[in-house]
Amino acid sequence: MSNFEQQKSESKALADKIIEICDDIKAVDIQIYDMSKSSSVADYYVICTGNSEPHLKAIGERVEKDMRNDDQPASVIDGGASSQWIVMDFHSVIVHIMHPDAREYYNLENLWSSGQRPPEKLPWECSEADVLTQERLIRRPGF
């Protein structure tokens, strides 16, 4: 087994473990995306939905606690239940725990599954020059 295949296998096992935790705490619409060929950020993205802010918080806390207890803590946790979106970075797996309204609004699945843009090129991850319109580029030379 090549180093790449071994890393991907370990990433998949990590993603499966996170999915199991999310499922155990009743997260809904759990999806996994293999991003290993289109993203340099992570091998897998997991997206799930919590039905309310307390449910989002419970899912996030449970994933954080169980993974930390398994000596696989998240390197970064961003957002919170009040923002309707929690992102957890486990290096090779990124977890998005979203409120139904936020999940519908951002529609990450459509972006990723159709291959339109890899996650690192989404508008909130781009430089200012990448998202400026042509008209604004004319007014702001140097971008």
Protein backbone atom coordinates (compact mmCIF):
# COMPACT_ATOMS: atom_id res chain seq x y z
CA MET A 1 0.00 0.00 0.00
CA SER A 2 1.40 3.38 -0.99
CA ASN A 3 1.81 6.20 1.49
CA PHE A 4 -1.06 8.09 -0.19
CA GLU A 5 -3.37 5.07 0.03
CA GLN A 6 -2.46 4.50 3.68
CA GLN A 7 -3.11 8.15 4.55
CA LYS A 8 -6.44 8.07 2.72
CA SER A 9 -7.43 4.88 4.53
CA GLU A 10 -6.59 6.45 7.90
CA SER A 11 -8.54 9.58 6.95
CA LYS A 12 -11.55 7.49 5.97
CA ALA A 13 -11.44 5.63 9.29
CA LEU A 14 -11.33 8.98 11.10
CA ALA A 15 -14.27 10.30 9.07
CA ASP A 16 -16.25 7.12 9.75
CA LYS A 17 -15.61 7.49 13.48
CA ILE A 18 -16.83 11.10 13.42
CA ILE A 19 -19.92 10.06 11.45
CA GLU A 20 -20.66 7.39 14.04
CA ILE A 21 -20.46 9.98 16.83
CA CYS A 22 -22.73 12.38 14.92
CA ASP A 23 -25.21 9.60 14.22
CA ASP A 24 -25.18 8.55 17.88
CA ILE A 25 -26.21 12.03 18.98
CA LYS A 26 -28.94 12.15 16.33
CA ALA A 27 -27.40 14.51 13.78
CA VAL A 28 -29.39 14.35 10.58
CA ASP A 29 -28.56 14.26 6.87
CA ILE A 30 -24.97 13.19 7.48
CA GLN A 31 -22.92 13.31 4.28
CA ILE A 32 -19.30 12.49 3.55
CA TYR A 33 -17.34 13.83 0.58
CA ASP A 34 -14.06 12.41 -0.66
CA MET A 35 -12.07 15.54 -1.47
CA SER A 36 -8.66 13.88 -1.73
CA LYS A 37 -8.35 14.54 -5.46
CA SER A 38 -9.74 18.07 -5.49
CA SER A 39 -8.60 19.63 -2.21
CA SER A 40 -5.28 20.22 -0.56
CA VAL A 41 -7.05 21.10 2.69
CA ALA A 42 -8.39 17.68 3.73
CA ASP A 43 -9.13 14.22 2.38
CA TYR A 44 -12.74 14.11 3.60
CA TYR A 45 -15.44 16.62 4.44
CA VAL A 46 -18.29 15.59 6.71
CA ILE A 47 -21.46 17.66 6.81
CA CYS A 48 -24.34 17.10 9.20
CA THR A 49 -27.33 19.03 10.46
CA GLY A 50 -28.50 19.79 13.97
CA ASN A 51 -32.16 20.69 14.33
CA SER A 52 -31.67 23.60 16.75
CA GLU A 53 -28.94 25.68 18.38
CA PRO A 54 -28.85 23.40 21.47
CA HIS A 55 -28.62 20.37 19.17
CA LEU A 56 -25.74 21.97 17.20
CA LYS A 57 -23.93 22.68 20.46
CA ALA A 58 -24.49 19.13 21.71
CA ILE A 59 -23.19 17.60 18.48
CA GLY A 60 -20.11 19.83 18.48
CA GLU A 61 -19.32 19.19 22.14
CA ARG A 62 -19.79 15.44 21.76
CA VAL A 63 -17.54 15.20 18.69
CA GLU A 64 -14.92 17.35 20.41
CA LYS A 65 -15.02 15.34 23.66
CA ASP A 66 -15.06 11.87 22.08
CA MET A 67 -12.26 12.66 19.65
CA ARG A 68 -10.14 14.29 22.38
CA ASN A 69 -10.69 11.21 24.59
CA ASP A 70 -9.44 9.11 21.67
CA ASP A 71 -6.27 11.27 21.43
CA GLN A 72 -7.42 12.78 18.14
CA PRO A 73 -8.40 16.31 19.15
CA ALA A 74 -9.48 18.90 16.63
CA SER A 75 -6.71 21.32 15.74
CA VAL A 76 -9.20 24.15 15.27
CA ILE A 77 -12.85 24.64 16.12
CA ASP A 78 -14.59 27.67 14.70
CA GLY A 79 -18.12 29.03 14.89
CA GLY A 80 -20.73 27.99 17.35
CA ALA A 81 -24.37 27.15 17.78
CA SER A 82 -25.37 30.82 17.71
CA SER A 83 -23.68 31.25 14.32
CA GLN A 84 -25.59 28.21 13.03
CA TRP A 85 -22.35 26.63 11.76
CA ILE A 86 -19.56 24.83 13.59
CA VAL A 87 -16.42 23.82 11.72
CA MET A 88 -13.99 21.33 13.23
CA ASP A 89 -10.59 20.65 11.68
CA PHE A 90 -9.15 17.19 12.30
CA HIS A 91 -6.37 17.75 9.73
CA SER A 92 -7.42 15.17 7.16
CA VAL A 93 -11.13 15.51 7.96
CA ILE A 94 -13.11 18.74 8.17
CA VAL A 95 -16.48 18.55 9.92
CA HIS A 96 -19.30 21.02 9.24
CA ILE A 97 -22.16 20.95 11.74
CA MET A 98 -24.88 23.21 10.39
CA HIS A 99 -28.33 24.49 11.23
CA PRO A 100 -30.84 23.59 8.47
CA ASP A 101 -31.19 27.23 7.40
CA ALA A 102 -27.42 27.71 7.08
CA ARG A 103 -27.03 24.42 5.27
CA GLU A 104 -29.68 25.35 2.75
CA TYR A 105 -28.30 28.86 2.29
CA TYR A 106 -24.64 27.90 1.74
CA ASN A 107 -25.47 24.68 -0.16
CA LEU A 108 -21.96 23.25 0.17
CA GLU A 109 -23.02 19.89 -1.20
CA ASN A 110 -23.94 21.41 -4.54
CA LEU A 111 -20.62 23.21 -4.81
CA TRP A 112 -18.57 20.14 -3.97
CA SER A 113 -20.56 17.36 -5.62
CA SER A 114 -20.81 19.15 -8.95
CA GLY A 115 -17.10 19.88 -8.93
CA GLN A 116 -17.64 23.59 -9.45
CA ARG A 117 -15.16 24.71 -6.83
CA PRO A 118 -12.93 22.93 -4.37
CA PRO A 119 -13.49 24.05 -0.76
CA GLU A 120 -10.37 26.20 -0.59
CA LYS A 121 -11.73 28.35 -3.45
CA LEU A 122 -15.10 29.22 -1.93
CA PRO A 123 -15.73 32.98 -1.74
CA TRP A 124 -14.96 33.31 1.97
CA GLU A 125 -11.64 31.51 1.43
CA CYS A 126 -10.47 33.65 -1.54
CA SER A 127 -8.33 36.73 -1.57
CA GLU A 128 -10.08 40.03 -2.09
CA ALA A 129 -8.80 40.18 -5.67
CA ASP A 130 -10.49 36.85 -6.45
CA VAL A 131 -13.95 38.11 -5.48
CA LEU A 132 -13.84 41.68 -6.76
CA THR A 133 -15.88 42.37 -9.84
CA GLN A 134 -14.22 43.64 -12.99
CA GLU A 135 -15.75 47.08 -12.37
CA ARG A 136 -14.16 47.29 -8.93
CA LEU A 137 -10.85 46.05 -10.31
CA ILE A 138 -10.79 49.05 -12.64
CA ARG A 139 -11.34 51.42 -9.72
CA ARG A 140 -8.76 49.65 -7.58
CA PRO A 141 -5.63 49.12 -9.68
CA GLY A 142 -3.06 46.76 -8.29
CA PHE A 143 -5.48 43.92 -7.70
